[in-house]
Amino acid sequence: MLFVNACFACSGQREFYSDAHSQRVSIDFLHRYILGNYRLLYARTLAAGVNHFSQAQIVLNLLSTGRDTDPAHREEEGALIAAALRALPPNRAWRVLQTLREKRVNNRRARAVVREYLAGRRDVAFDAVKYRAKVRAAVLHAHLNAPGELGRFLFRDWKKHAYRTDLLECYREAHYSSAADGALYRLPYTVAEGLAQKHGVPRDVFLSRIEAQMTAGEKLRLQKASVRADAAAPSVDWQRLPLTRLALYVLSLSEEERRGQYDLLHDAMTQAAHLSLRRAPLRFGVGGMRVAAVLDASYSSSGSSEKRRRPLGVALAVHYLLQTAAASAAVSSPYRAFWTTKTGGDSDDPLFVRARGQTDLATPLLDALEWGPDLVVIISDGCENDPPRGASEALRVFRTRLDAARRTSVVHCNPVFDPEDFTLRALSPLVPTVGLRDAEDLPTMLGFARFADGDVPLAELEAYLAARVARMLGTAGGGAAEVAPAPPEACDG
């Protein structure tokens, strides 16, 4: 569970209290240790829903050590690798395959994985244009015969040949012309951007004409840049954005900007929460239940230069997720949020929350427990200092004196990995602590919470992961599989 938690929270990037190097050293050690001692569980972690960074590391490590695979588990391991690659975003998957060349991993299974991934891509021409260097490295390293015109495009003097494939021909033509109705504006945004600079196309003209080719994430990243440049911002389809990414965008806006777009942002966050719950339901019991969230908005939740405001963004997204789940319950389920600081300005609306002040978790925790909830979800990096270990002492007294029967479930979700202890900083040994990178993972992590206490035998965790593997592989043919989480002790669904 220490490894699973790390794989949810750690992405090898700088955090508020630690640098990127220490993060990578610690997570690499955990990967090597679990791979060497629990290879089957290591492979099955791919089905646990861990973050993309860890999925990529697991795939690379499994392919690099194929000779150590137990023959009885070889087929399952290979299927998990293939399913995980299909579920990864294409840029990450191609980067994994490119890294195989850099690490000189070229065994038979690695070549088969590259061949299967290439054959399974719906639009390999698009990949060849957008990720040309990565696709070229993977195909070359695996000694594959690229289908159709792909070989000429990747390896030969591609500028001197016309192509029957429309996108490949657009790419070739765009190197020579930037006409308004030309090939440049039919290319992926990231590819066209460099060619537009080459041809000296004005930035505002380029952005207005390439907008149809942008992804939702690309449009979102350009929102703030457009404001700074006093240019027209591309329109964003808010309904296509993941909940946590949308929360991070909201937090990047000033309070004045949030007030000016309040209705739009609030409705977008609510809609994103509905979509997330549709993919991974979170039901609060048959008869409804009271749910409280203790949310850390102290200064350390501002994150780092590489992960700006991510801990605070996760807290805001979890608030909307729990609020939406409670409102959607068949029987009304009351929900309340308790923040460590006043959310912002003169308003207590969570949409105006800012990272500031010391970490006082004890006060909102006591307020939440006094309210009498059935489930308390704490979102914090666990570094409380006002007073130190205040929440820990409150939880000790509550568990030993007031709620020894554990009628109230308490789960601490930590979005920050602590590299010094190879784990997540816990608030108390009396409540489970689980990793949480994105709010969308909350239903899954509530399912894992029952293992985090350490009271459940290893065999039960193995059975749980085996069930997730069966579900993942049973639906992996159509792409990424959604696996229903096991419930925590006070949740159903």
Protein backbone atom coordinates (compact mmCIF):
# COMPACT_ATOMS: atom_id res chain seq x y z
CA MET A 1 0.00 0.00 0.00
CA LEU A 2 2.94 2.32 0.58
CA PHE A 3 3.87 1.76 -3.08
CA VAL A 4 0.30 2.15 -4.37
CA ASN A 5 -0.12 5.40 -2.45
CA ALA A 6 3.16 6.70 -3.86
CA CYS A 7 2.03 5.80 -7.38
CA PHE A 8 -1.11 7.87 -6.96
CA ALA A 9 0.52 10.97 -5.43
CA CYS A 10 4.06 11.17 -6.85
CA SER A 11 4.80 12.45 -10.36
CA GLY A 12 8.54 13.02 -9.96
CA GLN A 13 8.11 16.80 -9.83
CA ARG A 14 9.04 19.43 -7.28
CA GLU A 15 6.69 19.83 -4.33
CA PHE A 16 6.37 22.62 -1.76
CA TYR A 17 8.67 20.89 0.74
CA SER A 18 10.92 18.81 -1.59
CA ASP A 19 12.73 19.10 -4.92
CA ALA A 20 12.26 17.02 -8.06
CA HIS A 21 15.50 15.07 -7.60
CA SER A 22 14.54 13.68 -4.20
CA GLN A 23 11.08 12.83 -5.53
CA ARG A 24 12.53 10.81 -8.40
CA VAL A 25 15.16 9.05 -6.29
CA SER A 26 12.54 7.92 -3.76
CA ILE A 27 9.92 6.78 -6.26
CA ASP A 28 12.55 4.95 -8.36
CA PHE A 29 13.67 3.06 -5.26
CA LEU A 30 10.10 2.00 -4.49
CA HIS A 31 9.59 0.83 -8.09
CA ARG A 32 12.76 -1.28 -7.99
CA TYR A 33 11.93 -2.75 -4.60
CA ILE A 34 8.37 -3.82 -5.43
CA LEU A 35 9.40 -5.05 -8.89
CA GLY A 36 12.10 -7.26 -7.38
CA ASN A 37 10.06 -8.66 -4.50
CA TYR A 38 6.40 -8.59 -5.62
CA ARG A 39 6.47 -8.69 -9.41
CA LEU A 40 2.90 -9.92 -9.82
CA LEU A 41 1.50 -7.19 -7.58
CA TYR A 42 3.77 -4.69 -9.34
CA ALA A 43 2.25 -5.54 -12.72
CA ARG A 44 -1.28 -5.57 -11.32
CA THR A 45 -0.78 -2.05 -10.00
CA LEU A 46 -1.39 -0.99 -13.61
CA ALA A 47 -5.04 -1.89 -13.03
CA ALA A 48 -5.27 0.12 -9.80
CA GLY A 49 -5.77 3.45 -11.57
CA VAL A 50 -2.40 4.98 -10.58
CA ASN A 51 -1.24 8.18 -12.26
CA HIS A 52 0.24 8.28 -15.77
CA PHE A 53 3.79 8.89 -14.53
CA SER A 54 3.76 5.66 -12.53
CA GLN A 55 2.02 3.68 -15.25
CA ALA A 56 4.78 4.65 -17.68
CA GLN A 57 7.47 3.66 -15.17
CA ILE A 58 5.84 0.29 -14.52
CA VAL A 59 5.55 -0.51 -18.24
CA LEU A 60 9.20 0.41 -18.84
CA ASN A 61 10.43 -1.63 -15.88
CA LEU A 62 8.39 -4.70 -16.82
CA LEU A 63 9.62 -4.61 -20.42
CA SER A 64 13.22 -4.09 -19.27
CA THR A 65 13.14 -7.19 -17.05
CA GLY A 66 11.08 -9.59 -19.12
CA ARG A 67 13.38 -12.53 -18.41
CA ASP A 68 12.35 -12.41 -14.73
CA THR A 69 8.65 -12.94 -15.49
CA ASP A 70 7.09 -16.08 -14.06
CA PRO A 71 5.90 -18.18 -17.06
CA ALA A 72 2.54 -18.64 -15.31
CA HIS A 73 1.97 -14.87 -15.30
CA ARG A 74 3.60 -13.92 -18.60
CA GLU A 75 0.35 -13.71 -20.55
CA GLU A 76 -1.40 -11.59 -17.93
CA GLU A 77 1.60 -9.28 -17.63
CA GLY A 78 1.77 -8.78 -21.38
CA ALA A 79 -1.95 -8.04 -21.56
CA LEU A 80 -1.65 -5.49 -18.74
CA ILE A 81 1.23 -3.73 -20.50
CA ALA A 82 -0.73 -3.52 -23.76
CA ALA A 83 -3.91 -2.30 -22.02
CA ALA A 84 -2.00 0.30 -20.00
CA LEU A 85 -0.32 1.67 -23.13
CA ARG A 86 -3.68 1.99 -24.89
CA ALA A 87 -5.10 3.84 -21.90
CA LEU A 88 -2.21 6.32 -21.64
CA PRO A 89 -2.44 9.65 -23.49
CA PRO A 90 -0.71 9.16 -26.88
CA ASN A 91 2.17 11.52 -26.11
CA ARG A 92 3.03 9.56 -22.96
CA ALA A 93 2.64 6.17 -24.65
CA TRP A 94 4.93 7.13 -27.54
CA ARG A 95 7.41 8.55 -25.05
CA VAL A 96 7.49 5.18 -23.28
CA LEU A 97 8.21 3.42 -26.56
CA GLN A 98 10.87 5.99 -27.44
CA THR A 99 12.51 5.43 -24.05
CA LEU A 100 12.86 1.73 -24.85
CA ARG A 101 15.34 2.76 -27.52
CA GLU A 102 17.19 5.10 -25.17
CA LYS A 103 17.48 2.30 -22.60
CA ARG A 104 18.38 -0.25 -25.32
CA VAL A 105 15.51 -2.54 -24.41
CA ASN A 106 14.85 -4.58 -27.53
CA ASN A 107 13.70 -8.04 -26.48
CA ARG A 108 11.02 -9.97 -28.33
CA ARG A 109 8.18 -8.87 -26.08
CA ALA A 110 9.19 -5.20 -26.30
CA ARG A 111 9.12 -5.38 -30.10
CA ALA A 112 5.74 -7.12 -30.00
CA VAL A 113 4.35 -4.40 -27.72
CA VAL A 114 5.48 -1.66 -30.13
CA ARG A 115 4.03 -3.55 -33.09
CA GLU A 116 0.68 -4.09 -31.35
CA TYR A 117 0.44 -0.48 -30.22
CA LEU A 118 1.20 0.82 -33.71
CA ALA A 119 -1.37 -1.53 -35.26
CA GLY A 120 -4.01 -0.46 -32.76
CA ARG A 121 -3.80 3.28 -33.40
CA ARG A 122 -6.91 4.60 -35.11
CA ASP A 123 -5.08 7.37 -37.00
CA VAL A 124 -1.43 6.49 -37.23
CA ALA A 125 -0.83 9.30 -39.76
CA PHE A 126 -1.94 11.83 -37.13
CA ASP A 127 0.49 10.31 -34.62
CA ALA A 128 3.29 10.35 -37.20
CA VAL A 129 2.75 14.08 -37.77
CA LYS A 130 2.24 15.15 -34.16
CA TYR A 131 4.81 12.84 -32.52
CA ARG A 132 7.13 12.30 -35.48
CA ALA A 133 10.40 11.88 -33.56
CA LYS A 134 8.86 9.48 -31.04
CA VAL A 135 7.10 7.35 -33.67
CA ARG A 136 10.24 7.22 -35.79
CA ALA A 137 12.38 6.11 -32.84
CA ALA A 138 9.90 3.41 -31.79
CA VAL A 139 9.43 1.99 -35.30
CA LEU A 140 13.15 2.03 -36.03
CA HIS A 141 14.08 0.38 -32.74
CA ALA A 142 11.50 -2.40 -33.11
CA HIS A 143 12.57 -3.11 -36.73
CA LEU A 144 9.03 -2.64 -38.02
CA ASN A 145 7.82 -2.14 -41.55
CA ALA A 146 5.76 1.04 -41.33
CA PRO A 147 2.38 0.64 -43.06
CA GLY A 148 1.45 2.50 -46.24
CA GLU A 149 3.23 5.78 -46.84
CA LEU A 150 4.41 6.00 -43.25
CA GLY A 151 7.85 4.54 -44.01
CA ARG A 152 8.62 7.16 -46.64
CA PHE A 153 7.34 9.94 -44.37
CA LEU A 154 9.41 8.85 -41.37
CA PHE A 155 12.66 7.69 -42.91
CA ARG A 156 13.17 8.98 -46.45
CA ASP A 157 13.47 12.38 -48.09
CA TRP A 158 9.85 13.10 -47.29
CA LYS A 159 9.75 16.67 -48.65
CA LYS A 160 10.31 15.48 -52.22
CA HIS A 161 7.33 13.16 -52.39
CA ALA A 162 3.61 13.85 -52.68
CA TYR A 163 1.35 11.76 -50.42
CA ARG A 164 -2.05 10.26 -50.92
CA THR A 165 -2.70 10.48 -47.18
CA ASP A 166 -4.25 13.90 -46.67
CA LEU A 167 -2.60 14.80 -43.36
CA LEU A 168 0.88 13.77 -44.53
CA GLU A 169 0.46 15.89 -47.66
CA CYS A 170 -0.76 18.81 -45.53
CA TYR A 171 2.38 18.55 -43.42
CA ARG A 172 4.58 18.62 -46.53
CA GLU A 173 2.73 21.53 -48.11
CA ALA A 174 2.78 23.55 -44.89
CA HIS A 175 6.57 23.69 -45.03
CA TYR A 176 6.31 25.75 -48.22
CA SER A 177 3.16 27.82 -47.78
CA SER A 178 1.18 29.57 -45.05
CA ALA A 179 -1.80 30.58 -47.16
CA ALA A 180 -4.98 31.32 -45.23
CA ASP A 181 -6.78 28.42 -46.83
CA GLY A 182 -3.69 26.26 -47.02
CA ALA A 183 -2.47 23.11 -45.33
CA LEU A 184 -1.04 24.86 -42.26
CA TYR A 185 -4.43 25.24 -40.60
CA ARG A 186 -5.37 21.58 -41.05
CA LEU A 187 -2.44 20.38 -38.94
CA PRO A 188 -2.45 19.73 -35.17
CA TYR A 189 -1.94 22.97 -33.24
CA THR A 190 1.44 22.05 -31.73
CA VAL A 191 2.84 21.18 -35.16
CA ALA A 192 1.34 24.18 -36.93
CA GLU A 193 2.63 26.58 -34.29
CA GLY A 194 6.26 26.03 -35.20
CA LEU A 195 5.56 26.29 -38.92
CA ALA A 196 3.62 29.53 -38.39
CA GLN A 197 6.67 31.06 -36.73
CA LYS A 198 8.82 29.85 -39.60
CA HIS A 199 6.57 31.63 -42.11
CA GLY A 200 6.22 34.76 -39.96
CA VAL A 201 2.46 34.48 -39.52
CA PRO A 202 1.19 37.05 -36.96
CA ARG A 203 0.30 35.37 -33.70
CA ASP A 204 -3.27 36.69 -33.51
CA VAL A 205 -3.96 35.67 -37.11
CA PHE A 206 -2.58 32.19 -36.52
CA LEU A 207 -4.57 31.61 -33.31
CA SER A 208 -7.85 32.75 -34.83
CA ARG A 209 -7.47 30.37 -37.80
CA ILE A 210 -6.05 27.34 -35.99
CA GLU A 211 -8.65 27.31 -33.18
CA ALA A 212 -10.65 24.48 -34.76
CA GLN A 213 -7.60 22.19 -34.47
CA MET A 214 -6.94 22.87 -30.77
CA THR A 215 -7.73 20.40 -28.04
CA ALA A 216 -9.64 21.53 -24.94
CA GLY A 217 -6.42 21.49 -22.91
CA GLU A 218 -4.58 23.62 -25.46
CA LYS A 219 -7.37 26.17 -25.48
CA LEU A 220 -7.33 26.29 -21.70
CA ARG A 221 -3.56 26.90 -21.59
CA LEU A 222 -3.95 29.80 -24.03
CA GLN A 223 -6.63 31.55 -22.00
CA LYS A 224 -4.24 33.34 -19.62
CA ALA A 225 -1.66 33.97 -22.36
CA SER A 226 -4.33 35.66 -24.46
CA VAL A 227 -5.34 37.89 -21.57
CA ARG A 228 -1.71 38.96 -20.96
CA ALA A 229 -1.24 39.72 -24.66
CA ASP A 230 -4.58 41.59 -24.82
CA ALA A 231 -5.68 39.24 -27.62
CA ALA A 232 -8.84 37.32 -28.31
CA ALA A 233 -8.89 34.10 -26.27
CA PRO A 234 -9.93 30.84 -27.93
CA SER A 235 -13.35 29.57 -26.89
CA VAL A 236 -13.23 26.64 -24.46
CA ASP A 237 -15.69 23.77 -24.33
CA TRP A 238 -15.87 23.64 -20.53
CA GLN A 239 -17.79 20.35 -20.56
CA ARG A 240 -14.81 18.50 -22.05
CA LEU A 241 -12.35 19.48 -19.30
CA PRO A 242 -11.48 17.11 -16.44
CA LEU A 243 -12.57 18.33 -13.02
CA THR A 244 -9.12 18.83 -11.45
CA ARG A 245 -7.69 20.56 -14.51
CA LEU A 246 -10.65 22.92 -14.53
CA ALA A 247 -10.17 23.64 -10.82
CA LEU A 248 -6.52 24.52 -11.44
CA TYR A 249 -7.58 26.95 -14.16
CA VAL A 250 -10.11 28.59 -11.84
CA LEU A 251 -7.41 29.05 -9.18
CA SER A 252 -5.11 30.68 -11.73
CA LEU A 253 -7.62 33.52 -12.16
CA SER A 254 -7.67 36.61 -10.00
CA GLU A 255 -10.58 37.13 -7.62
CA GLU A 256 -11.93 39.85 -9.92
CA GLU A 257 -11.85 37.48 -12.91
CA ARG A 258 -13.60 34.75 -10.90
CA ARG A 259 -16.33 37.16 -9.86
CA GLY A 260 -16.84 38.32 -13.43
CA GLN A 261 -17.26 34.74 -14.67
CA TYR A 262 -18.77 33.24 -11.54
CA ASP A 263 -21.84 31.61 -13.06
CA LEU A 264 -19.87 30.15 -15.97
CA LEU A 265 -17.12 28.75 -13.75
CA HIS A 266 -19.49 27.37 -11.10
CA ASP A 267 -21.66 25.65 -13.69
CA ALA A 268 -18.58 24.26 -15.46
CA MET A 269 -17.19 22.83 -12.20
CA THR A 270 -20.54 21.24 -11.35
CA GLN A 271 -20.88 19.75 -14.83
CA ALA A 272 -17.32 18.38 -14.69
CA ALA A 273 -18.12 16.78 -11.34
CA HIS A 274 -21.25 15.15 -12.83
CA LEU A 275 -19.20 13.70 -15.68
CA SER A 276 -16.54 12.41 -13.30
CA LEU A 277 -19.18 10.71 -11.14
CA ARG A 278 -20.75 9.18 -14.23
CA ARG A 279 -17.43 7.46 -14.98
CA ALA A 280 -16.72 6.46 -11.37
CA PRO A 281 -19.88 6.59 -9.21
CA LEU A 282 -19.72 7.53 -5.55
CA ARG A 283 -22.87 6.58 -3.64
CA PHE A 284 -23.32 7.59 -0.03
CA GLY A 285 -25.17 4.57 1.31
CA VAL A 286 -28.65 3.24 0.60
CA GLY A 287 -30.41 5.66 2.93
CA GLY A 288 -28.14 8.63 2.46
CA MET A 289 -25.46 9.83 4.86
CA ARG A 290 -23.82 12.96 6.22
CA VAL A 291 -20.48 13.74 4.58
CA ALA A 292 -17.95 16.33 5.74
CA ALA A 293 -14.80 17.48 3.96
CA VAL A 294 -11.88 19.07 5.82
CA LEU A 295 -9.98 20.99 3.15
CA ASP A 296 -6.48 22.43 3.50
CA ALA A 297 -6.11 25.93 2.02
CA SER A 298 -2.90 26.88 3.86
CA TYR A 299 0.07 28.42 2.04
CA SER A 300 1.74 25.05 1.42
CA SER A 301 -1.25 24.12 -0.76
CA SER A 302 0.10 26.60 -3.32
CA GLY A 303 2.36 23.77 -4.52
CA SER A 304 5.57 24.46 -6.44
CA SER A 305 6.79 26.00 -9.68
CA GLU A 306 6.16 22.65 -11.42
CA LYS A 307 2.83 21.89 -9.74
CA ARG A 308 1.28 25.31 -9.19
CA ARG A 309 -1.63 25.22 -6.75
CA ARG A 310 -2.20 21.50 -7.33
CA PRO A 311 -2.92 20.55 -3.67
CA LEU A 312 -5.40 23.43 -3.45
CA GLY A 313 -6.85 22.51 -6.85
CA VAL A 314 -7.42 18.95 -5.68
CA ALA A 315 -9.17 20.26 -2.54
CA LEU A 316 -11.46 22.53 -4.58
CA ALA A 317 -12.25 19.75 -7.06
CA VAL A 318 -13.00 17.27 -4.25
CA HIS A 319 -15.39 19.80 -2.72
CA TYR A 320 -17.37 20.00 -5.96
CA LEU A 321 -17.22 16.22 -6.41
CA LEU A 322 -18.61 15.47 -2.94
CA GLN A 323 -21.15 18.29 -3.12
CA THR A 324 -22.42 17.01 -6.48
CA ALA A 325 -22.50 13.38 -5.30
CA ALA A 326 -24.49 14.33 -2.20
CA ALA A 327 -26.93 16.44 -4.23
CA SER A 328 -27.43 13.60 -6.72
CA ALA A 329 -28.18 10.98 -4.07
CA ALA A 330 -31.55 9.23 -4.32
CA VAL A 331 -32.15 10.18 -0.70
CA SER A 332 -30.84 13.60 0.26
CA SER A 333 -27.35 13.34 1.75
CA PRO A 334 -26.21 16.49 3.58
CA TYR A 335 -22.71 17.68 2.80
CA ARG A 336 -20.56 20.39 4.38
CA ALA A 337 -17.07 21.66 3.66
CA PHE A 338 -14.75 22.93 6.41
CA TRP A 339 -11.75 24.92 5.14
CA THR A 340 -8.61 25.70 7.13
CA THR A 341 -8.88 29.42 6.28
CA LYS A 342 -11.55 31.81 5.08
CA THR A 343 -11.88 31.02 1.40
CA GLY A 344 -11.12 34.48 0.04
CA GLY A 345 -11.93 38.18 0.21
CA ASP A 346 -15.23 38.94 1.88
CA SER A 347 -16.84 35.75 0.59
CA ASP A 348 -16.98 32.23 1.98
CA ASP A 349 -17.68 30.79 -1.47
CA PRO A 350 -15.13 28.03 -2.23
CA LEU A 351 -14.74 29.34 -5.78
CA PHE A 352 -12.74 32.26 -4.33
CA VAL A 353 -10.38 30.14 -2.23
CA ARG A 354 -6.70 31.16 -2.02
CA ALA A 355 -3.66 29.43 -0.52
CA ARG A 356 -2.54 31.38 2.53
CA GLY A 357 -1.72 31.20 6.21
CA GLN A 358 -0.53 28.49 8.59
CA THR A 359 -1.93 24.96 8.56
CA ASP A 360 -4.58 24.65 11.26
CA LEU A 361 -6.35 21.37 10.59
CA ALA A 362 -7.53 20.84 14.17
CA THR A 363 -10.13 23.65 14.13
CA PRO A 364 -12.01 22.63 10.96
CA LEU A 365 -11.69 18.96 11.95
CA LEU A 366 -13.31 19.60 15.35
CA ASP A 367 -16.06 21.61 13.66
CA ALA A 368 -16.65 18.78 11.19
CA LEU A 369 -16.80 16.09 13.90
CA GLU A 370 -19.15 18.22 16.02
CA TRP A 371 -21.52 18.34 13.01
CA GLY A 372 -21.89 14.55 13.34
CA PRO A 373 -21.00 13.17 9.89
CA ASP A 374 -20.91 9.53 8.86
CA LEU A 375 -17.84 10.13 6.67
CA VAL A 376 -15.05 12.70 6.99
CA VAL A 377 -12.70 13.19 4.04
CA ILE A 378 -9.55 15.20 4.84
CA ILE A 379 -7.60 16.71 1.93
CA SER A 380 -4.20 17.91 3.14
CA ASP A 381 -0.46 17.43 2.74
CA GLY A 382 -0.41 16.51 6.43
CA CYS A 383 2.09 19.24 7.42
CA GLU A 384 0.11 20.90 10.21
CA ASN A 385 1.88 23.57 12.26
CA ASP A 386 -0.80 25.65 13.97
CA PRO A 387 -0.60 23.93 16.39
CA PRO A 388 1.74 21.06 15.45
CA ARG A 389 -0.03 17.67 15.61
CA GLY A 390 -3.27 19.34 16.66
CA ALA A 391 -5.40 17.26 14.29
CA SER A 392 -3.52 14.14 15.32
CA GLU A 393 -4.43 14.67 18.96
CA ALA A 394 -8.05 15.48 18.08
CA LEU A 395 -8.31 12.25 16.09
CA ARG A 396 -6.73 10.25 18.95
CA VAL A 397 -9.24 11.50 21.48
CA PHE A 398 -12.14 11.07 19.06
CA ARG A 399 -11.19 7.51 18.15
CA THR A 400 -10.33 6.30 21.69
CA ARG A 401 -12.87 8.22 23.81
CA LEU A 402 -15.79 9.37 21.67
CA ASP A 403 -16.07 6.94 18.77
CA ALA A 404 -14.36 3.72 19.77
CA ALA A 405 -17.00 1.79 17.76
CA ARG A 406 -15.96 3.71 14.63
CA ARG A 407 -19.41 4.84 13.65
CA THR A 408 -17.77 7.72 11.78
CA SER A 409 -15.35 6.88 8.99
CA VAL A 410 -12.36 9.21 8.58
CA VAL A 411 -10.09 9.07 5.52
CA HIS A 412 -7.06 11.30 4.96
CA CYS A 413 -6.29 11.88 1.25
CA ASN A 414 -2.84 13.33 0.69
CA PRO A 415 -1.90 14.76 -2.74
CA VAL A 416 1.79 15.16 -1.82
CA PHE A 417 4.46 12.43 -1.68
CA ASP A 418 7.10 12.72 1.06
CA PRO A 419 10.43 11.50 -0.42
CA GLU A 420 12.26 11.42 2.91
CA ASP A 421 10.02 8.66 4.29
CA PHE A 422 9.05 7.07 0.94
CA THR A 423 5.42 7.58 1.86
CA LEU A 424 2.64 10.09 2.47
CA ARG A 425 2.73 12.21 5.61
CA ALA A 426 -0.05 10.82 7.83
CA LEU A 427 -2.10 12.82 10.32
CA SER A 428 -2.69 9.92 12.69
CA PRO A 429 -2.05 6.17 12.82
CA LEU A 430 -5.72 5.81 13.77
CA VAL A 431 -7.04 6.90 10.34
CA PRO A 432 -6.01 5.59 6.91
CA THR A 433 -3.95 7.83 4.61
CA VAL A 434 -4.14 7.37 0.84
CA GLY A 435 -2.56 9.20 -2.09
CA LEU A 436 -4.67 11.42 -4.32
CA ARG A 437 -3.31 13.21 -7.39
CA ASP A 438 -6.65 14.08 -9.02
CA ALA A 439 -10.08 14.53 -7.45
CA GLU A 440 -11.43 12.11 -10.06
CA ASP A 441 -9.51 9.34 -8.26
CA LEU A 442 -11.41 9.87 -4.99
CA PRO A 443 -13.88 6.96 -5.45
CA THR A 444 -10.96 4.61 -6.16
CA MET A 445 -8.94 5.83 -3.19
CA LEU A 446 -11.88 5.49 -0.80
CA GLY A 447 -11.94 1.87 -1.92
CA PHE A 448 -8.24 1.50 -1.12
CA ALA A 449 -8.64 3.17 2.27
CA ARG A 450 -9.64 -0.10 3.93
CA PHE A 451 -6.23 -1.54 3.00
CA ALA A 452 -4.25 1.48 4.18
CA ASP A 453 -4.84 0.71 7.87
CA GLY A 454 -2.66 -2.38 7.55
CA ASP A 455 -5.21 -4.61 9.28
CA VAL A 456 -6.32 -6.34 6.07
CA PRO A 457 -4.21 -9.39 5.09
CA LEU A 458 -2.08 -9.29 1.93
CA ALA A 459 -4.23 -12.03 0.37
CA GLU A 460 -7.26 -9.73 0.38
CA LEU A 461 -5.32 -6.95 -1.35
CA GLU A 462 -4.10 -9.47 -3.91
CA ALA A 463 -7.66 -10.62 -4.54
CA TYR A 464 -8.84 -7.02 -4.89
CA LEU A 465 -6.13 -6.22 -7.45
CA ALA A 466 -6.84 -9.47 -9.30
CA ALA A 467 -10.50 -8.44 -9.62
CA ARG A 468 -9.50 -5.05 -11.01
CA VAL A 469 -7.18 -6.76 -13.49
CA ALA A 470 -10.03 -9.00 -14.68
CA ARG A 471 -12.27 -5.98 -15.22
CA MET A 472 -9.56 -3.99 -16.95
CA LEU A 473 -8.61 -6.76 -19.36
CA GLY A 474 -12.23 -7.70 -19.92
CA THR A 475 -12.98 -4.27 -21.40
CA ALA A 476 -9.53 -3.18 -22.56
CA GLY A 477 -10.27 -3.89 -26.21
CA GLY A 478 -12.21 -0.66 -26.50
CA GLY A 479 -9.54 1.51 -24.86
CA ALA A 480 -9.20 2.65 -21.28
CA ALA A 481 -11.32 0.67 -18.85
CA GLU A 482 -13.23 2.15 -15.97
CA VAL A 483 -13.03 -0.09 -12.92
CA ALA A 484 -15.57 0.35 -10.15
CA PRO A 485 -13.88 0.93 -6.78
CA ALA A 486 -14.52 -1.10 -3.69
CA PRO A 487 -16.37 0.92 -1.06
CA PRO A 488 -14.88 2.23 2.18
CA GLU A 489 -16.52 1.11 5.39
CA ALA A 490 -19.17 3.85 5.32
CA CYS A 491 -19.78 4.12 1.58
CA ASP A 492 -21.76 2.02 -0.86
CA GLY A 493 -20.72 2.13 -4.51
